[in-house]
Structures are given as C-alpha cells and as structure tokens.
Amino acid sequence: MSDLIIQQGTDAALQWPITDENGLPIDLTDWTFAAQVRNIRDNIVHEWSEADGNVVVEDGAVYLQWTATESAAWTWVEGVYDLEATLPNGIVVRLDQGFISLAKEVTK
C-alpha cells in the first residue's frame, strides 16, 4: 500500500516496476492497466487507462502520467486510488492502493 502526493500543475508520472521474484522485469505484453481516484463520496475524480493514453507500459514498468495543464484543472484534493492489471489470462490483480492527495499549485 502506497500513499501518494501529486504536485498539481506539473508534468509528471507515477511508476510501478513489475518484476518477478528475482527482481527481473516481467514481460508485460498483453497486460492491461487501469487506475482510478475516488473521493470520499465514492465519485470518480480521475482515471488512468491505456485507452485514454495516460498509461504507458515500458521496460517492465507501468507509468500513470498527466500534464501540467491537466493537473492544474483538477479540483479534487484527496481520495483513494488503486492500480489494477488484467493479465493475458483475464485474471485481475491489484498492484497498489492507498490514499492520494493533491498538493495544490501556488505558482500559476
């Protein structure tokens, strides 16, 4: 479980390396990834998905990314998130979850 802080108004990404028991990158071909942030009322306030183009899978890691312009428009302050992977055989696994907060942008 990882609690996260996103710096509003920045171009950035969160990274999760996906490795085997020996620490070697796993082949993520045909895996799919998605993540959501929900507020206390269980409303979705942000989503990441490969279909939306804000999830990148590269070199044995998954990246959830956003732009400065996109994050500057976010009005949510805190919530909960999880990151799920769907394996080629259809099994869904949760890779991470926790609390997430937005460090509001001051310099605009």
Protein backbone atom coordinates (compact mmCIF):
# COMPACT_ATOMS: atom_id res chain seq x y z
CA MET A 1 0.00 0.00 0.00
CA SER A 2 1.43 3.33 -1.07
CA ASP A 3 0.11 6.74 -0.14
CA LEU A 4 0.75 9.25 -2.91
CA ILE A 5 1.04 13.01 -3.31
CA ILE A 6 0.65 14.58 -6.75
CA GLN A 7 2.12 18.01 -7.35
CA GLN A 8 -0.61 19.99 -9.13
CA GLY A 9 0.46 21.99 -12.20
CA THR A 10 3.36 19.69 -13.11
CA ASP A 11 4.09 17.32 -15.97
CA ALA A 12 4.76 14.06 -14.19
CA ALA A 13 4.12 10.33 -13.88
CA LEU A 14 3.97 7.69 -11.18
CA GLN A 15 5.94 4.49 -11.86
CA TRP A 16 5.46 0.88 -10.77
CA PRO A 17 8.15 -1.59 -11.85
CA ILE A 18 6.66 -5.06 -12.38
CA THR A 19 9.24 -7.71 -11.52
CA ASP A 20 9.45 -11.41 -10.80
CA GLU A 21 10.69 -12.99 -7.56
CA ASN A 22 14.28 -12.39 -8.71
CA GLY A 23 13.72 -8.68 -9.33
CA LEU A 24 13.80 -9.07 -13.11
CA PRO A 25 11.27 -7.20 -15.28
CA ILE A 26 8.25 -9.24 -16.33
CA ASP A 27 7.15 -9.24 -19.97
CA LEU A 28 4.01 -7.09 -19.85
CA THR A 29 2.88 -7.90 -23.39
CA ASP A 30 -0.92 -8.29 -23.45
CA TRP A 31 -1.33 -6.97 -19.90
CA THR A 32 -3.69 -4.00 -19.47
CA PHE A 33 -3.66 -1.44 -16.69
CA ALA A 34 -6.16 1.00 -15.22
CA ALA A 35 -6.36 3.20 -12.15
CA GLN A 36 -8.93 5.49 -10.57
CA VAL A 37 -9.05 8.15 -7.89
CA ARG A 38 -12.31 8.37 -5.95
CA ASN A 39 -13.35 10.95 -3.40
CA ILE A 40 -14.99 10.31 -0.04
CA ARG A 41 -18.40 10.10 -1.73
CA ASP A 42 -17.08 7.29 -3.99
CA ASN A 43 -17.23 9.52 -7.08
CA ILE A 44 -14.52 9.02 -9.69
CA VAL A 45 -12.42 12.21 -9.82
CA HIS A 46 -9.68 10.96 -12.13
CA GLU A 47 -8.92 7.88 -14.24
CA TRP A 48 -5.90 6.45 -15.98
CA SER A 49 -6.21 3.85 -18.73
CA GLU A 50 -4.34 2.75 -21.79
CA ALA A 51 -7.44 3.63 -23.85
CA ASP A 52 -7.17 7.22 -22.59
CA GLY A 53 -3.47 7.29 -23.43
CA ASN A 54 -2.34 8.26 -19.93
CA VAL A 55 -0.99 4.80 -19.02
CA VAL A 56 2.35 3.87 -20.55
CA VAL A 57 3.90 0.40 -20.29
CA GLU A 58 7.63 0.45 -20.93
CA ASP A 59 10.70 -1.55 -19.91
CA GLY A 60 8.85 -3.74 -17.40
CA ALA A 61 7.08 -0.86 -15.66
CA VAL A 62 3.72 0.85 -15.79
CA TYR A 63 3.50 4.65 -15.68
CA LEU A 64 0.44 6.72 -14.82
CA GLN A 65 1.05 10.15 -16.32
CA TRP A 66 -0.53 13.60 -16.54
CA THR A 67 0.25 17.02 -17.94
CA ALA A 68 0.70 20.30 -16.10
CA THR A 69 -2.36 21.70 -17.86
CA GLU A 70 -4.45 18.69 -16.94
CA SER A 71 -3.46 18.64 -13.27
CA ALA A 72 -3.85 22.42 -12.94
CA ALA A 73 -7.56 21.94 -13.70
CA TRP A 74 -8.12 19.27 -11.05
CA THR A 75 -10.43 20.42 -8.26
CA TRP A 76 -10.18 17.32 -6.05
CA VAL A 77 -7.87 17.46 -3.05
CA GLU A 78 -7.77 13.94 -1.67
CA GLY A 79 -9.18 10.49 -2.15
CA VAL A 80 -8.30 6.85 -2.51
CA TYR A 81 -6.82 5.11 -5.52
CA ASP A 82 -5.92 1.70 -6.78
CA LEU A 83 -3.98 0.38 -9.75
CA GLU A 84 -5.15 -2.84 -11.35
CA ALA A 85 -3.66 -5.06 -14.02
CA THR A 86 -5.53 -7.51 -16.19
CA LEU A 87 -3.27 -10.41 -17.12
CA PRO A 88 -3.42 -12.11 -20.54
CA ASN A 89 -5.46 -14.97 -18.99
CA GLY A 90 -8.12 -12.49 -17.78
CA ILE A 91 -7.15 -12.53 -14.10
CA VAL A 92 -7.34 -9.08 -12.50
CA VAL A 93 -4.79 -8.21 -9.80
CA ARG A 94 -4.45 -5.10 -7.70
CA LEU A 95 -0.88 -3.84 -7.86
CA ASP A 96 -1.22 -0.98 -5.39
CA GLN A 97 -3.75 1.06 -3.44
CA GLY A 98 -3.83 3.80 -0.86
CA PHE A 99 -4.64 7.39 -0.12
CA ILE A 100 -3.82 10.08 -2.66
CA SER A 101 -3.67 13.82 -2.23
CA LEU A 102 -3.14 16.78 -4.50
CA ALA A 103 -0.55 19.34 -3.36
CA LYS A 104 -2.30 22.44 -4.68
CA GLU A 105 -0.40 24.63 -7.10
CA VAL A 106 0.67 28.02 -5.75
CA THR A 107 2.67 29.48 -8.64
CA LYS A 108 0.42 29.98 -11.66
